[in-house]
Amino acid sequence: MAETSLSQLLPVEAIVTGIEAPDWRSAIRASGELLVADGATTPDYIGQMLAAVEEYGPYIVIAPGLALAHARPSSAVLRTGMSWAGLASPVEFGHPQNDPVELVIGLAAVDHDGHSGALSQLARMLGEPARLRELKKTADPAAIHAMISDYEESGV
């Protein structure tokens, strides 16, 4: 079975910017609500994402200004999917180097490896500082999705 592409895992409907989140819990909840709305997870998954940070700390803040909110595969995951929660104002997660966070990518996976190609593509794309800045300052979900699709099609 061919792996799902990044633009398929992250549909335009799961991309929202300008989200008001007073704290990290609200920021994670916003990314989780997008996963629920897209049909990737049940609401239980949001609690699992919050519990992971409460238990392990802010390890999900993987780069300056960027958090990858996720939990272990579970029955709350209906299908692998991603969400993009762009925050109106940066939020402290408690990470010593990468705070504050402006973008929370939600990830729900049905297993440990079905999403690895899309995730590594996402990491490469967001690892380019100029591209990440451009994506973070773009407010239109369709434009963000188009930028991701263009990146995929460039074969990088």
N, C-alpha and C. Protein backbone atom coordinates (compact mmCIF):
# COMPACT_ATOMS: atom_id res chain seq x y z
N MET A 1 0.84 -1.18 0.00
CA MET A 1 0.00 0.00 0.00
C MET A 1 0.88 1.25 0.00
N ALA A 2 0.61 2.16 -0.90
CA ALA A 2 1.41 3.38 -0.99
C ALA A 2 1.15 4.27 0.22
N GLU A 3 2.21 4.90 0.66
CA GLU A 3 2.06 5.79 1.83
C GLU A 3 1.30 7.05 1.43
N THR A 4 0.51 7.53 2.35
CA THR A 4 -0.26 8.75 2.14
C THR A 4 0.68 9.95 2.15
N SER A 5 0.42 10.89 1.25
CA SER A 5 1.27 12.07 1.17
C SER A 5 0.93 13.06 2.28
N LEU A 6 1.84 13.98 2.49
CA LEU A 6 1.67 15.01 3.50
C LEU A 6 0.42 15.85 3.20
N SER A 7 0.21 16.22 1.96
CA SER A 7 -0.96 17.05 1.62
C SER A 7 -2.27 16.27 1.77
N GLN A 8 -2.22 14.94 1.68
CA GLN A 8 -3.41 14.12 1.92
C GLN A 8 -3.69 13.99 3.42
N LEU A 9 -2.61 13.84 4.21
CA LEU A 9 -2.77 13.71 5.66
C LEU A 9 -3.20 15.03 6.30
N LEU A 10 -2.87 16.14 5.65
CA LEU A 10 -3.17 17.47 6.17
C LEU A 10 -4.07 18.21 5.18
N PRO A 11 -5.37 17.89 5.18
CA PRO A 11 -6.28 18.56 4.24
C PRO A 11 -6.48 20.03 4.63
N VAL A 12 -6.89 20.82 3.67
CA VAL A 12 -7.06 22.25 3.92
C VAL A 12 -8.06 22.50 5.05
N GLU A 13 -9.03 21.61 5.23
CA GLU A 13 -10.02 21.77 6.30
C GLU A 13 -9.40 21.63 7.69
N ALA A 14 -8.23 21.00 7.78
CA ALA A 14 -7.56 20.79 9.07
C ALA A 14 -6.50 21.86 9.32
N ILE A 15 -6.49 22.91 8.51
CA ILE A 15 -5.54 24.02 8.67
C ILE A 15 -6.31 25.25 9.13
N VAL A 16 -5.95 25.76 10.30
CA VAL A 16 -6.59 26.97 10.83
C VAL A 16 -5.49 27.88 11.37
N THR A 17 -5.61 29.17 11.12
CA THR A 17 -4.64 30.14 11.63
C THR A 17 -5.38 31.15 12.50
N GLY A 18 -4.61 31.92 13.26
CA GLY A 18 -5.19 32.96 14.09
C GLY A 18 -5.95 32.43 15.31
N ILE A 19 -5.57 31.25 15.76
CA ILE A 19 -6.24 30.62 16.90
C ILE A 19 -5.82 31.31 18.20
N GLU A 20 -6.80 31.70 18.98
CA GLU A 20 -6.54 32.30 20.29
C GLU A 20 -6.34 31.16 21.30
N ALA A 21 -5.16 31.07 21.86
CA ALA A 21 -4.87 30.03 22.85
C ALA A 21 -4.08 30.67 23.99
N PRO A 22 -4.67 30.76 25.19
CA PRO A 22 -3.98 31.42 26.30
C PRO A 22 -2.82 30.60 26.89
N ASP A 23 -2.80 29.29 26.64
CA ASP A 23 -1.75 28.45 27.23
C ASP A 23 -1.53 27.22 26.35
N TRP A 24 -0.51 26.42 26.72
CA TRP A 24 -0.17 25.26 25.90
C TRP A 24 -1.28 24.23 25.84
N ARG A 25 -2.02 24.08 26.90
CA ARG A 25 -3.13 23.12 26.88
C ARG A 25 -4.18 23.52 25.83
N SER A 26 -4.50 24.80 25.78
CA SER A 26 -5.46 25.30 24.79
C SER A 26 -4.93 25.13 23.37
N ALA A 27 -3.63 25.32 23.21
CA ALA A 27 -3.01 25.18 21.89
C ALA A 27 -3.08 23.72 21.42
N ILE A 28 -2.78 22.79 22.31
CA ILE A 28 -2.88 21.37 21.97
C ILE A 28 -4.34 21.00 21.71
N ARG A 29 -5.24 21.50 22.55
CA ARG A 29 -6.66 21.22 22.37
C ARG A 29 -7.13 21.69 20.99
N ALA A 30 -6.67 22.86 20.56
CA ALA A 30 -7.06 23.38 19.24
C ALA A 30 -6.59 22.45 18.13
N SER A 31 -5.36 21.96 18.21
CA SER A 31 -4.87 21.04 17.17
C SER A 31 -5.64 19.73 17.22
N GLY A 32 -6.00 19.28 18.42
CA GLY A 32 -6.78 18.05 18.56
C GLY A 32 -8.20 18.18 18.06
N GLU A 33 -8.81 19.34 18.29
CA GLU A 33 -10.17 19.56 17.81
C GLU A 33 -10.23 19.53 16.28
N LEU A 34 -9.16 19.99 15.65
CA LEU A 34 -9.10 19.92 14.18
C LEU A 34 -9.01 18.47 13.71
N LEU A 35 -8.27 17.63 14.45
CA LEU A 35 -8.19 16.21 14.10
C LEU A 35 -9.57 15.54 14.26
N VAL A 36 -10.28 15.91 15.31
CA VAL A 36 -11.63 15.36 15.54
C VAL A 36 -12.57 15.82 14.42
N ALA A 37 -12.54 17.11 14.10
CA ALA A 37 -13.42 17.66 13.07
C ALA A 37 -13.16 17.02 11.71
N ASP A 38 -11.90 16.64 11.45
CA ASP A 38 -11.53 16.03 10.18
C ASP A 38 -11.85 14.52 10.16
N GLY A 39 -12.27 13.98 11.30
CA GLY A 39 -12.62 12.56 11.35
C GLY A 39 -11.44 11.63 11.58
N ALA A 40 -10.28 12.19 11.93
CA ALA A 40 -9.10 11.34 12.16
C ALA A 40 -9.12 10.70 13.55
N THR A 41 -9.72 11.38 14.52
CA THR A 41 -9.71 10.87 15.90
C THR A 41 -11.06 11.11 16.58
N THR A 42 -11.20 10.46 17.72
CA THR A 42 -12.33 10.77 18.60
C THR A 42 -11.85 11.85 19.58
N PRO A 43 -12.75 12.49 20.30
CA PRO A 43 -12.33 13.51 21.28
C PRO A 43 -11.39 12.96 22.36
N ASP A 44 -11.42 11.66 22.62
CA ASP A 44 -10.52 11.07 23.62
C ASP A 44 -9.04 11.31 23.30
N TYR A 45 -8.73 11.43 22.02
CA TYR A 45 -7.34 11.61 21.62
C TYR A 45 -6.77 12.92 22.15
N ILE A 46 -7.60 13.95 22.26
CA ILE A 46 -7.13 15.24 22.77
C ILE A 46 -6.60 15.06 24.20
N GLY A 47 -7.34 14.34 25.02
CA GLY A 47 -6.88 14.07 26.38
C GLY A 47 -5.59 13.27 26.41
N GLN A 48 -5.44 12.36 25.46
CA GLN A 48 -4.21 11.56 25.39
C GLN A 48 -3.01 12.44 25.00
N MET A 49 -3.22 13.40 24.10
CA MET A 49 -2.13 14.32 23.72
C MET A 49 -1.73 15.18 24.92
N LEU A 50 -2.71 15.69 25.65
CA LEU A 50 -2.42 16.50 26.84
C LEU A 50 -1.69 15.66 27.90
N ALA A 51 -2.15 14.44 28.11
CA ALA A 51 -1.53 13.57 29.11
C ALA A 51 -0.07 13.27 28.76
N ALA A 52 0.24 13.14 27.47
CA ALA A 52 1.62 12.86 27.06
C ALA A 52 2.55 14.00 27.49
N VAL A 53 2.12 15.24 27.30
CA VAL A 53 2.95 16.39 27.70
C VAL A 53 3.01 16.49 29.22
N GLU A 54 1.88 16.24 29.89
CA GLU A 54 1.89 16.28 31.36
C GLU A 54 2.85 15.24 31.93
N GLU A 55 2.93 14.08 31.28
CA GLU A 55 3.80 13.00 31.77
C GLU A 55 5.26 13.20 31.38
N TYR A 56 5.51 13.59 30.13
CA TYR A 56 6.89 13.62 29.61
C TYR A 56 7.48 15.01 29.45
N GLY A 57 6.69 16.05 29.70
CA GLY A 57 7.21 17.40 29.54
C GLY A 57 7.07 17.89 28.10
N PRO A 58 7.66 19.06 27.79
CA PRO A 58 7.43 19.71 26.50
C PRO A 58 8.30 19.15 25.36
N TYR A 59 8.50 17.82 25.34
CA TYR A 59 9.31 17.19 24.30
C TYR A 59 8.71 17.39 22.91
N ILE A 60 7.43 17.74 22.84
CA ILE A 60 6.78 17.90 21.54
C ILE A 60 7.18 19.21 20.85
N VAL A 61 7.86 20.10 21.57
CA VAL A 61 8.33 21.36 20.97
C VAL A 61 9.65 21.02 20.27
N ILE A 62 9.53 20.70 18.98
CA ILE A 62 10.63 20.06 18.25
C ILE A 62 11.56 21.04 17.54
N ALA A 63 11.15 22.28 17.43
CA ALA A 63 11.96 23.31 16.77
C ALA A 63 11.49 24.66 17.30
N PRO A 64 12.29 25.70 17.12
CA PRO A 64 11.85 27.02 17.60
C PRO A 64 10.48 27.39 17.05
N GLY A 65 9.53 27.62 17.97
CA GLY A 65 8.20 28.05 17.59
C GLY A 65 7.27 26.96 17.08
N LEU A 66 7.70 25.69 17.13
CA LEU A 66 6.94 24.60 16.52
C LEU A 66 6.76 23.43 17.48
N ALA A 67 5.50 23.02 17.67
CA ALA A 67 5.20 21.84 18.48
C ALA A 67 4.50 20.80 17.62
N LEU A 68 4.84 19.54 17.83
CA LEU A 68 4.20 18.42 17.15
C LEU A 68 3.39 17.66 18.21
N ALA A 69 2.12 18.02 18.33
CA ALA A 69 1.26 17.42 19.35
C ALA A 69 0.78 16.05 18.89
N HIS A 70 1.00 15.05 19.72
CA HIS A 70 0.62 13.68 19.37
C HIS A 70 0.55 12.83 20.62
N ALA A 71 0.04 11.63 20.45
CA ALA A 71 0.01 10.62 21.50
C ALA A 71 0.26 9.28 20.82
N ARG A 72 0.37 8.25 21.62
CA ARG A 72 0.58 6.92 21.06
C ARG A 72 -0.63 6.50 20.23
N PRO A 73 -0.39 5.60 19.24
CA PRO A 73 -1.55 5.04 18.52
C PRO A 73 -2.50 4.40 19.54
N SER A 74 -3.80 4.61 19.35
CA SER A 74 -4.79 4.05 20.28
C SER A 74 -6.12 3.89 19.55
N SER A 75 -7.09 3.35 20.26
CA SER A 75 -8.42 3.18 19.66
C SER A 75 -9.09 4.53 19.39
N ALA A 76 -8.56 5.61 19.96
CA ALA A 76 -9.10 6.95 19.71
C ALA A 76 -8.70 7.47 18.33
N VAL A 77 -7.73 6.82 17.69
CA VAL A 77 -7.29 7.22 16.35
C VAL A 77 -8.09 6.40 15.33
N LEU A 78 -8.89 7.08 14.55
CA LEU A 78 -9.73 6.41 13.55
C LEU A 78 -8.98 6.20 12.24
N ARG A 79 -8.09 7.15 11.91
CA ARG A 79 -7.21 7.04 10.74
C ARG A 79 -6.07 8.02 10.94
N THR A 80 -4.97 7.78 10.27
CA THR A 80 -3.83 8.68 10.37
C THR A 80 -4.21 10.03 9.77
N GLY A 81 -3.85 11.09 10.49
CA GLY A 81 -4.15 12.43 10.01
C GLY A 81 -3.32 13.47 10.71
N MET A 82 -3.36 14.69 10.16
CA MET A 82 -2.61 15.80 10.74
C MET A 82 -3.48 17.04 10.76
N SER A 83 -3.09 17.97 11.64
CA SER A 83 -3.76 19.26 11.70
C SER A 83 -2.71 20.35 11.84
N TRP A 84 -3.10 21.57 11.52
CA TRP A 84 -2.21 22.75 11.54
C TRP A 84 -2.92 23.83 12.32
N ALA A 85 -2.45 24.11 13.52
CA ALA A 85 -3.06 25.13 14.36
C ALA A 85 -2.07 26.30 14.50
N GLY A 86 -2.28 27.32 13.70
CA GLY A 86 -1.46 28.53 13.78
C GLY A 86 -2.02 29.43 14.86
N LEU A 87 -1.18 29.80 15.81
CA LEU A 87 -1.65 30.57 16.97
C LEU A 87 -1.58 32.08 16.70
N ALA A 88 -2.57 32.80 17.21
CA ALA A 88 -2.60 34.26 17.06
C ALA A 88 -1.44 34.90 17.83
N SER A 89 -1.11 34.33 18.99
CA SER A 89 -0.01 34.82 19.82
C SER A 89 0.80 33.62 20.29
N PRO A 90 2.13 33.76 20.36
CA PRO A 90 2.97 32.65 20.82
C PRO A 90 2.64 32.23 22.26
N VAL A 91 2.82 30.94 22.53
CA VAL A 91 2.49 30.35 23.83
C VAL A 91 3.72 29.62 24.39
N GLU A 92 3.94 29.77 25.68
CA GLU A 92 5.03 29.07 26.37
C GLU A 92 4.61 27.63 26.66
N PHE A 93 5.46 26.67 26.27
CA PHE A 93 5.23 25.26 26.59
C PHE A 93 6.17 24.80 27.71
N GLY A 94 7.18 25.62 28.02
CA GLY A 94 8.15 25.24 29.03
C GLY A 94 9.39 24.59 28.46
N HIS A 95 9.61 24.73 27.13
CA HIS A 95 10.81 24.18 26.51
C HIS A 95 11.94 25.19 26.62
N PRO A 96 13.11 24.76 27.11
CA PRO A 96 14.20 25.72 27.36
C PRO A 96 14.75 26.41 26.11
N GLN A 97 14.75 25.76 24.95
CA GLN A 97 15.31 26.38 23.74
C GLN A 97 14.26 26.83 22.74
N ASN A 98 13.17 26.09 22.58
CA ASN A 98 12.28 26.29 21.44
C ASN A 98 11.01 27.08 21.71
N ASP A 99 10.80 27.51 22.96
CA ASP A 99 9.65 28.37 23.26
C ASP A 99 9.91 29.77 22.73
N PRO A 100 8.88 30.56 22.53
CA PRO A 100 7.46 30.22 22.58
C PRO A 100 7.01 29.59 21.27
N VAL A 101 5.87 28.90 21.30
CA VAL A 101 5.35 28.17 20.16
C VAL A 101 4.29 29.02 19.43
N GLU A 102 4.42 29.05 18.10
CA GLU A 102 3.45 29.78 17.27
C GLU A 102 2.62 28.83 16.41
N LEU A 103 3.12 27.61 16.22
CA LEU A 103 2.47 26.65 15.34
C LEU A 103 2.43 25.29 16.01
N VAL A 104 1.23 24.70 16.10
CA VAL A 104 1.08 23.36 16.65
C VAL A 104 0.55 22.45 15.55
N ILE A 105 1.37 21.49 15.17
CA ILE A 105 0.96 20.48 14.20
C ILE A 105 0.42 19.30 15.02
N GLY A 106 -0.81 18.91 14.77
CA GLY A 106 -1.38 17.74 15.43
C GLY A 106 -1.13 16.52 14.57
N LEU A 107 -0.76 15.41 15.20
CA LEU A 107 -0.52 14.16 14.49
C LEU A 107 -1.25 13.04 15.19
N ALA A 108 -2.04 12.32 14.44
CA ALA A 108 -2.69 11.11 14.94
C ALA A 108 -2.27 9.98 14.00
N ALA A 109 -1.79 8.89 14.57
CA ALA A 109 -1.33 7.77 13.74
C ALA A 109 -1.95 6.47 14.22
N VAL A 110 -2.36 5.64 13.26
CA VAL A 110 -2.95 4.34 13.62
C VAL A 110 -1.88 3.32 13.99
N ASP A 111 -0.64 3.57 13.56
CA ASP A 111 0.47 2.68 13.91
C ASP A 111 1.74 3.52 14.02
N HIS A 112 2.87 2.85 14.23
CA HIS A 112 4.10 3.61 14.44
C HIS A 112 4.83 3.99 13.17
N ASP A 113 4.50 3.37 12.02
CA ASP A 113 5.28 3.72 10.85
C ASP A 113 4.52 4.10 9.59
N GLY A 114 3.20 4.01 9.55
CA GLY A 114 2.46 4.34 8.34
C GLY A 114 2.56 5.78 7.92
N HIS A 115 3.02 6.65 8.81
CA HIS A 115 3.08 8.08 8.52
C HIS A 115 4.51 8.59 8.46
N SER A 116 5.49 7.69 8.55
CA SER A 116 6.88 8.13 8.70
C SER A 116 7.39 8.93 7.50
N GLY A 117 7.01 8.55 6.29
CA GLY A 117 7.47 9.29 5.12
C GLY A 117 6.93 10.71 5.11
N ALA A 118 5.63 10.85 5.37
CA ALA A 118 5.02 12.19 5.40
C ALA A 118 5.61 13.01 6.53
N LEU A 119 5.87 12.37 7.68
CA LEU A 119 6.43 13.09 8.81
C LEU A 119 7.85 13.55 8.52
N SER A 120 8.66 12.72 7.86
CA SER A 120 10.02 13.16 7.55
C SER A 120 9.99 14.26 6.50
N GLN A 121 9.03 14.21 5.58
CA GLN A 121 8.88 15.28 4.60
C GLN A 121 8.49 16.59 5.29
N LEU A 122 7.57 16.49 6.25
CA LEU A 122 7.17 17.66 7.03
C LEU A 122 8.38 18.24 7.77
N ALA A 123 9.16 17.37 8.39
CA ALA A 123 10.34 17.83 9.14
C ALA A 123 11.33 18.53 8.22
N ARG A 124 11.56 17.99 7.03
CA ARG A 124 12.48 18.64 6.08
C ARG A 124 11.94 20.00 5.66
N MET A 125 10.63 20.04 5.36
CA MET A 125 10.03 21.29 4.91
C MET A 125 10.10 22.36 6.00
N LEU A 126 9.72 21.99 7.22
CA LEU A 126 9.72 22.95 8.32
C LEU A 126 11.11 23.24 8.85
N GLY A 127 12.07 22.38 8.47
CA GLY A 127 13.46 22.58 8.88
C GLY A 127 14.17 23.66 8.07
N GLU A 128 13.52 24.14 7.03
CA GLU A 128 14.09 25.24 6.23
C GLU A 128 13.57 26.54 6.83
N PRO A 129 14.44 27.31 7.50
CA PRO A 129 13.97 28.51 8.22
C PRO A 129 13.16 29.49 7.37
N ALA A 130 13.56 29.73 6.14
CA ALA A 130 12.83 30.69 5.29
C ALA A 130 11.44 30.15 4.97
N ARG A 131 11.34 28.86 4.68
CA ARG A 131 10.05 28.27 4.34
C ARG A 131 9.14 28.26 5.57
N LEU A 132 9.71 27.93 6.73
CA LEU A 132 8.92 27.91 7.96
C LEU A 132 8.38 29.31 8.27
N ARG A 133 9.22 30.34 8.12
CA ARG A 133 8.76 31.72 8.35
C ARG A 133 7.61 32.06 7.42
N GLU A 134 7.75 31.70 6.15
CA GLU A 134 6.71 31.99 5.16
C GLU A 134 5.40 31.27 5.52
N LEU A 135 5.49 30.00 5.90
CA LEU A 135 4.30 29.24 6.27
C LEU A 135 3.64 29.84 7.51
N LYS A 136 4.45 30.23 8.50
CA LYS A 136 3.89 30.75 9.75
C LYS A 136 3.21 32.10 9.55
N LYS A 137 3.69 32.90 8.59
CA LYS A 137 3.09 34.22 8.40
C LYS A 137 1.91 34.19 7.43
N THR A 138 1.68 33.04 6.78
CA THR A 138 0.56 32.91 5.85
C THR A 138 -0.71 32.60 6.64
N ALA A 139 -1.74 33.41 6.44
CA ALA A 139 -2.98 33.26 7.21
C ALA A 139 -4.02 32.40 6.50
N ASP A 140 -3.92 32.29 5.18
CA ASP A 140 -4.95 31.59 4.40
C ASP A 140 -4.68 30.09 4.35
N PRO A 141 -5.60 29.27 4.90
CA PRO A 141 -5.39 27.82 4.89
C PRO A 141 -5.15 27.23 3.51
N ALA A 142 -5.87 27.71 2.49
CA ALA A 142 -5.68 27.19 1.14
C ALA A 142 -4.28 27.51 0.63
N ALA A 143 -3.76 28.67 0.96
CA ALA A 143 -2.41 29.05 0.54
C ALA A 143 -1.37 28.17 1.25
N ILE A 144 -1.58 27.88 2.52
CA ILE A 144 -0.66 27.00 3.26
C ILE A 144 -0.68 25.61 2.63
N HIS A 145 -1.87 25.10 2.34
CA HIS A 145 -1.99 23.78 1.72
C HIS A 145 -1.30 23.76 0.36
N ALA A 146 -1.48 24.83 -0.42
CA ALA A 146 -0.84 24.91 -1.74
C ALA A 146 0.68 24.92 -1.60
N MET A 147 1.21 25.62 -0.60
CA MET A 147 2.66 25.65 -0.38
C MET A 147 3.17 24.26 -0.03
N ILE A 148 2.41 23.52 0.77
CA ILE A 148 2.80 22.15 1.13
C ILE A 148 2.76 21.25 -0.11
N SER A 149 1.71 21.37 -0.91
CA SER A 149 1.60 20.57 -2.14
C SER A 149 2.73 20.89 -3.10
N ASP A 150 3.03 22.18 -3.27
CA ASP A 150 4.13 22.58 -4.15
C ASP A 150 5.45 22.00 -3.67
N TYR A 151 5.66 22.00 -2.35
CA TYR A 151 6.88 21.45 -1.78
C TYR A 151 6.96 19.95 -2.13
N GLU A 152 5.84 19.24 -1.95
CA GLU A 152 5.81 17.80 -2.26
C GLU A 152 6.12 17.55 -3.73
N GLU A 153 5.48 18.33 -4.58
CA GLU A 153 5.65 18.13 -6.03
C GLU A 153 7.05 18.47 -6.50
N SER A 154 7.76 19.30 -5.74
CA SER A 154 9.13 19.65 -6.13
C SER A 154 10.07 18.46 -5.91
N GLY A 155 9.56 17.43 -5.22
CA GLY A 155 10.35 16.20 -5.04
C GLY A 155 11.48 16.34 -4.05
N VAL A 156 11.40 17.33 -3.20
CA VAL A 156 12.48 17.56 -2.22
C VAL A 156 12.48 16.46 -1.18
